[in-house]
N, C-alpha and C. Protein backbone atom coordinates (compact mmCIF):
# COMPACT_ATOMS: atom_id res chain seq x y z
N TRP A 1 -13.00 -17.06 -17.52
CA TRP A 1 -12.03 -17.12 -17.70
C TRP A 1 -11.01 -18.53 -17.04
N SER A 2 -10.15 -18.38 -18.21
CA SER A 2 -9.18 -19.83 -17.59
C SER A 2 -8.76 -19.36 -17.10
N ALA A 3 -7.43 -20.41 -16.73
CA ALA A 3 -6.37 -19.96 -15.82
C ALA A 3 -5.35 -19.71 -17.01
N LYS A 4 -5.25 -20.49 -17.93
CA LYS A 4 -4.38 -19.97 -19.43
C LYS A 4 -4.74 -18.39 -19.79
N ASP A 5 -5.57 -17.78 -19.75
CA ASP A 5 -6.38 -16.26 -20.03
C ASP A 5 -5.30 -15.43 -18.59
N ASP A 6 -6.03 -16.02 -17.43
CA ASP A 6 -4.98 -15.03 -16.16
C ASP A 6 -4.03 -14.61 -17.10
N ASP A 7 -2.86 -16.30 -16.29
CA ASP A 7 -1.60 -15.43 -17.05
C ASP A 7 -1.57 -14.57 -17.83
N ALA A 8 -2.22 -14.51 -19.51
CA ALA A 8 -1.80 -14.23 -20.11
C ALA A 8 -2.62 -12.26 -19.51
N LEU A 9 -2.94 -12.36 -19.19
CA LEU A 9 -3.50 -10.64 -18.65
C LEU A 9 -2.54 -9.95 -17.68
N MET A 10 -2.15 -10.89 -16.82
CA MET A 10 -0.95 -10.50 -15.97
C MET A 10 0.54 -10.37 -16.75
N ALA A 11 0.08 -11.28 -17.61
CA ALA A 11 1.90 -11.11 -17.85
C ALA A 11 1.74 -9.38 -19.27
N ALA A 12 0.77 -9.52 -19.76
CA ALA A 12 0.40 -8.70 -20.55
C ALA A 12 0.25 -7.32 -20.28
N ARG A 13 -0.51 -7.02 -18.80
CA ARG A 13 -0.12 -6.34 -17.49
C ARG A 13 1.03 -5.86 -17.19
N ALA A 14 1.57 -6.54 -16.85
CA ALA A 14 3.43 -6.70 -16.36
C ALA A 14 4.46 -5.90 -17.58
N SER A 15 3.91 -6.16 -18.50
CA SER A 15 4.41 -6.23 -20.04
C SER A 15 4.67 -4.12 -20.10
N GLY A 16 3.25 -3.56 -19.69
CA GLY A 16 2.98 -2.25 -19.82
C GLY A 16 1.42 -1.64 -20.67
N TYR A 17 1.67 -2.85 -20.99
CA TYR A 17 0.06 -2.61 -22.10
C TYR A 17 -1.27 -2.11 -21.09
N ASN A 18 -1.67 -0.88 -21.84
CA ASN A 18 -2.96 -0.51 -20.81
C ASN A 18 -3.85 -1.87 -21.45
N TRP A 19 -5.10 -1.42 -20.93
CA TRP A 19 -6.34 -2.14 -20.87
C TRP A 19 -7.23 -2.12 -22.17
N ASN A 20 -6.86 -1.43 -23.34
CA ASN A 20 -7.55 -1.20 -24.27
C ASN A 20 -6.82 -2.33 -25.18
N GLN A 21 -5.35 -1.97 -24.66
CA GLN A 21 -4.12 -3.12 -26.16
C GLN A 21 -4.87 -4.32 -24.88
N ILE A 22 -4.61 -4.54 -24.17
CA ILE A 22 -4.80 -6.26 -24.00
C ILE A 22 -6.23 -6.46 -24.52
N ALA A 23 -7.20 -6.06 -24.29
CA ALA A 23 -8.63 -6.84 -25.15
C ALA A 23 -8.64 -6.63 -26.10
N ALA A 24 -7.65 -5.46 -26.87
CA ALA A 24 -7.92 -5.91 -28.63
C ALA A 24 -6.99 -7.04 -28.32
N ARG A 25 -5.80 -7.17 -27.87
CA ARG A 25 -4.97 -8.01 -28.74
C ARG A 25 -4.79 -9.58 -28.15
N TYR A 26 -5.59 -9.59 -26.22
CA TYR A 26 -5.53 -10.66 -25.83
C TYR A 26 -6.95 -11.51 -26.00
N PHE A 27 -8.00 -10.94 -25.65
CA PHE A 27 -9.44 -10.93 -25.82
C PHE A 27 -10.55 -10.33 -26.04
N PRO A 28 -9.70 -10.64 -27.50
CA PRO A 28 -11.16 -9.52 -28.34
C PRO A 28 -12.71 -9.82 -28.07
N PRO A 29 -13.31 -10.96 -27.67
CA PRO A 29 -15.04 -10.60 -27.27
C PRO A 29 -14.56 -10.15 -25.51
N LYS A 30 -13.80 -9.77 -25.16
CA LYS A 30 -13.92 -9.01 -23.87
C LYS A 30 -13.47 -7.27 -24.21
N THR A 31 -14.19 -6.43 -22.84
CA THR A 31 -13.31 -5.01 -23.69
C THR A 31 -12.71 -4.76 -22.15
N PRO A 32 -12.55 -3.55 -22.22
CA PRO A 32 -11.20 -3.11 -21.57
C PRO A 32 -11.66 -3.17 -20.41
N ASN A 33 -12.92 -2.89 -19.75
CA ASN A 33 -13.38 -2.68 -18.12
C ASN A 33 -13.41 -3.94 -18.14
N ALA A 34 -13.75 -5.26 -18.00
CA ALA A 34 -13.92 -6.81 -17.75
C ALA A 34 -11.95 -7.00 -17.64
N CYS A 35 -11.56 -6.96 -18.65
CA CYS A 35 -9.91 -7.65 -18.65
C CYS A 35 -9.49 -6.58 -16.84
N ARG A 36 -9.53 -4.88 -16.97
CA ARG A 36 -9.54 -4.71 -15.94
C ARG A 36 -9.61 -5.41 -14.76
N LYS A 37 -11.64 -5.37 -14.51
CA LYS A 37 -12.23 -6.03 -13.37
C LYS A 37 -11.74 -7.26 -13.16
N ARG A 38 -11.41 -8.18 -14.20
CA ARG A 38 -10.50 -9.50 -13.54
C ARG A 38 -9.42 -9.28 -13.08
N TYR A 39 -8.29 -7.93 -14.25
CA TYR A 39 -7.15 -7.78 -13.55
C TYR A 39 -7.19 -7.55 -11.69
N GLU A 40 -7.64 -6.88 -11.51
CA GLU A 40 -8.19 -6.20 -9.90
C GLU A 40 -8.64 -7.75 -9.08
N ARG A 41 -9.32 -8.45 -9.61
CA ARG A 41 -9.85 -9.68 -8.44
C ARG A 41 -8.55 -10.26 -8.20
N LEU A 42 -7.90 -10.68 -9.30
CA LEU A 42 -6.72 -11.74 -9.19
C LEU A 42 -5.64 -10.79 -8.82
N MET A 43 -5.52 -9.71 -8.60
CA MET A 43 -4.57 -8.77 -7.06
C MET A 43 -4.73 -9.23 -6.23
N GLU A 44 -6.92 -8.76 -5.95
CA GLU A 44 -6.96 -8.57 -4.96
C GLU A 44 -6.20 -10.59 -4.55
N ARG A 45 -6.75 -11.00 -4.60
CA ARG A 45 -6.75 -12.60 -4.60
C ARG A 45 -5.22 -13.01 -3.90
N ARG A 46 -4.38 -12.51 -4.77
CA ARG A 46 -3.17 -12.69 -4.58
C ARG A 46 -2.20 -11.85 -3.58
N ASN A 47 -3.06 -10.43 -3.11
CA ASN A 47 -2.40 -9.64 -2.03
C ASN A 47 -2.99 -10.71 -0.75
N THR A 48 -4.68 -11.21 -0.76
CA THR A 48 -4.72 -11.78 0.50
C THR A 48 -4.25 -12.73 1.11
N GLU A 49 -3.75 -13.56 -0.21
CA GLU A 49 -2.56 -14.72 0.35
C GLU A 49 -1.35 -14.14 1.01
N GLU A 50 -0.88 -13.53 0.34
CA GLU A 50 0.31 -12.56 1.01
C GLU A 50 0.16 -12.26 1.59
N ARG A 51 -1.49 -12.01 2.86
CA ARG A 51 -1.54 -11.26 3.71
C ARG A 51 -1.48 -12.26 4.70
N ASP A 52 -2.27 -13.78 4.50
CA ASP A 52 -2.22 -14.51 5.55
C ASP A 52 -0.99 -15.78 5.27
N GLY A 53 -0.06 -14.81 5.26
CA GLY A 53 1.48 -15.99 5.09
C GLY A 53 2.22 -14.91 5.62
N VAL A 54 3.60 -13.76 4.90
CA VAL A 54 4.39 -13.24 5.82
C VAL A 54 3.84 -12.46 6.02
N LYS A 55 3.33 -11.38 5.71
CA LYS A 55 2.41 -10.04 4.92
C LYS A 55 1.92 -10.31 6.73
N VAL A 56 1.78 -11.25 6.78
CA VAL A 56 1.19 -11.34 9.06
C VAL A 56 1.86 -11.12 9.79
N GLU A 57 3.25 -12.15 9.62
CA GLU A 57 4.09 -12.06 9.97
C GLU A 57 5.16 -10.94 10.57
N THR A 58 4.95 -10.05 9.00
CA THR A 58 5.92 -8.89 9.29
C THR A 58 4.95 -7.90 9.75
N MET A 59 3.72 -8.28 10.36
CA MET A 59 3.02 -6.94 10.67
C MET A 59 3.09 -7.32 12.22
N VAL A 60 2.72 -8.51 12.20
CA VAL A 60 3.18 -8.67 14.52
C VAL A 60 4.27 -8.36 14.61
N GLU A 61 4.75 -8.65 13.66
CA GLU A 61 6.76 -8.53 14.50
C GLU A 61 6.59 -6.53 14.63
N ALA A 62 6.36 -5.83 13.80
CA ALA A 62 6.84 -4.42 13.53
C ALA A 62 5.13 -3.95 15.17
N TYR A 63 3.70 -4.85 15.29
CA TYR A 63 3.16 -4.67 16.42
C TYR A 63 3.83 -4.34 17.51
N MET A 64 4.70 -5.58 17.59
CA MET A 64 5.53 -5.83 19.20
C MET A 64 6.12 -4.79 19.27
N GLU A 65 7.01 -4.63 18.03
CA GLU A 65 7.97 -3.86 18.38
C GLU A 65 7.39 -1.95 18.57
N VAL A 66 5.78 -1.12 18.44
CA VAL A 66 5.91 -0.06 18.62
C VAL A 66 4.22 -0.60 19.82
N ARG A 67 3.76 -1.62 20.18
CA ARG A 67 3.04 -1.66 20.84
C ARG A 67 2.83 -1.03 22.29
N GLN A 68 4.06 -0.58 23.12
CA GLN A 68 4.12 -0.31 23.84
C GLN A 68 3.59 1.41 24.15
N GLU A 69 4.42 2.14 22.41
CA GLU A 69 4.62 3.03 22.54
C GLU A 69 2.95 3.61 21.90
N VAL A 70 2.46 3.12 21.25
CA VAL A 70 1.22 3.20 20.83
C VAL A 70 -0.41 2.93 21.53
N TRP A 71 0.08 2.52 22.16
CA TRP A 71 -0.99 1.96 23.56
C TRP A 71 -0.74 2.84 24.77
N SER A 72 0.62 3.24 24.93
CA SER A 72 1.32 4.17 25.93
C SER A 72 0.21 5.86 26.03
N VAL A 73 0.49 5.97 25.00
CA VAL A 73 -1.30 7.65 24.33
C VAL A 73 -2.41 6.74 25.19
N LEU A 74 -3.10 6.28 25.06
CA LEU A 74 -4.33 5.88 24.73
C LEU A 74 -4.21 5.95 26.50
N ALA A 75 -3.32 4.62 26.99
CA ALA A 75 -3.02 5.29 29.41
C ALA A 75 -2.56 6.27 29.77
N ALA A 76 -1.59 7.12 28.67
CA ALA A 76 -1.80 8.72 30.05
C ALA A 76 -2.64 9.70 29.42
N ARG A 77 -3.89 8.92 28.84
CA ARG A 77 -5.17 10.00 28.92
C ARG A 77 -6.76 9.51 29.99
N VAL A 78 -6.03 8.16 30.43
CA VAL A 78 -7.07 7.70 31.02
C VAL A 78 -6.58 6.86 32.74
N GLY A 79 -5.34 7.77 32.03
CA GLY A 79 -4.27 6.90 33.74
C GLY A 79 -4.58 5.41 34.19
N GLU A 80 -4.07 4.63 33.19
CA GLU A 80 -3.60 3.69 33.23
C GLU A 80 -2.43 3.26 32.95
N LYS A 81 -1.86 2.04 33.54
CA LYS A 81 -1.06 1.28 33.12
C LYS A 81 -1.19 0.68 31.07
N TRP A 82 -0.31 0.96 30.20
CA TRP A 82 -0.63 0.72 28.59
C TRP A 82 -1.12 -0.79 28.45
N ALA A 83 -0.64 -1.58 28.84
CA ALA A 83 -0.45 -2.90 28.78
C ALA A 83 -2.08 -3.29 29.53
N LEU A 84 -2.87 -3.31 30.21
CA LEU A 84 -4.09 -2.75 31.15
C LEU A 84 -4.90 -2.14 29.65
N VAL A 85 -4.93 -1.25 29.45
CA VAL A 85 -5.46 -0.04 28.22
C VAL A 85 -5.05 -1.32 26.66
N GLU A 86 -3.99 -1.62 26.85
CA GLU A 86 -4.20 -3.03 25.21
C GLU A 86 -4.97 -3.84 25.63
N ARG A 87 -4.94 -4.68 26.51
CA ARG A 87 -5.82 -5.69 27.13
C ARG A 87 -7.41 -5.23 27.65
N MET A 88 -7.91 -4.72 27.87
CA MET A 88 -8.85 -4.11 27.70
C MET A 88 -9.86 -3.62 26.69
N VAL A 89 -8.96 -3.12 25.92
CA VAL A 89 -9.71 -2.47 24.37
C VAL A 89 -9.08 -3.73 23.35
N ARG A 90 -8.44 -4.81 23.59
CA ARG A 90 -8.61 -5.22 22.34
C ARG A 90 -9.19 -6.99 22.69
N PHE A 91 -9.63 -7.08 23.59
CA PHE A 91 -10.12 -8.21 24.31
C PHE A 91 -11.96 -7.84 24.11
N ARG A 92 -12.10 -6.56 23.87
CA ARG A 92 -13.54 -6.32 24.05
C ARG A 92 -14.36 -6.55 23.10
N PRO A 93 -15.88 -7.27 23.57
CA PRO A 93 -16.95 -7.07 22.47
C PRO A 93 -16.63 -6.44 21.11
N ASP A 94 -16.61 -6.52 20.23
CA ASP A 94 -17.04 -5.85 19.13
C ASP A 94 -17.75 -5.14 19.47
N GLN A 95 -19.06 -5.51 19.80
CA GLN A 95 -19.66 -4.61 19.59
C GLN A 95 -20.17 -3.53 20.80
N GLN A 96 -19.41 -3.59 21.81
CA GLN A 96 -19.06 -2.73 22.73
C GLN A 96 -18.40 -1.66 22.24
N VAL A 97 -17.30 -1.36 21.25
CA VAL A 97 -16.28 -0.85 21.19
C VAL A 97 -16.98 -0.20 19.70
N ARG A 98 -17.84 -0.96 19.16
CA ARG A 98 -18.61 -0.86 17.34
C ARG A 98 -19.17 0.49 17.45
N GLY A 99 -20.21 1.00 18.26
CA GLY A 99 -21.11 1.86 18.48
C GLY A 99 -20.59 3.46 19.22
N LYS A 100 -19.32 2.71 19.28
CA LYS A 100 -18.69 4.29 20.31
C LYS A 100 -17.60 4.19 18.94
N ILE A 101 -17.21 4.43 18.23
CA ILE A 101 -15.76 4.49 17.65
C ILE A 101 -16.57 5.56 16.03
């Protein structure tokens, strides 16, 4: 797949073509499934790039808005302050938590 192919694939899909139409019209040697899989990979890459930027900032802001509410439920159950519970769980090594979840 070339960059030009990727652009054509994205444009065709955005135009509403299905995979059979895309393969036949733009990529005759490729199967509809090959077109679909390439599109999925491109979208995954695109989503990863977005997560690395703006989406991460949005998630951090949302987390900061609800963190007390989220951790308070667990804190009430174990009889501790929510900030202490957050620190204890968030900064605990993964291998200690992994076997318990």
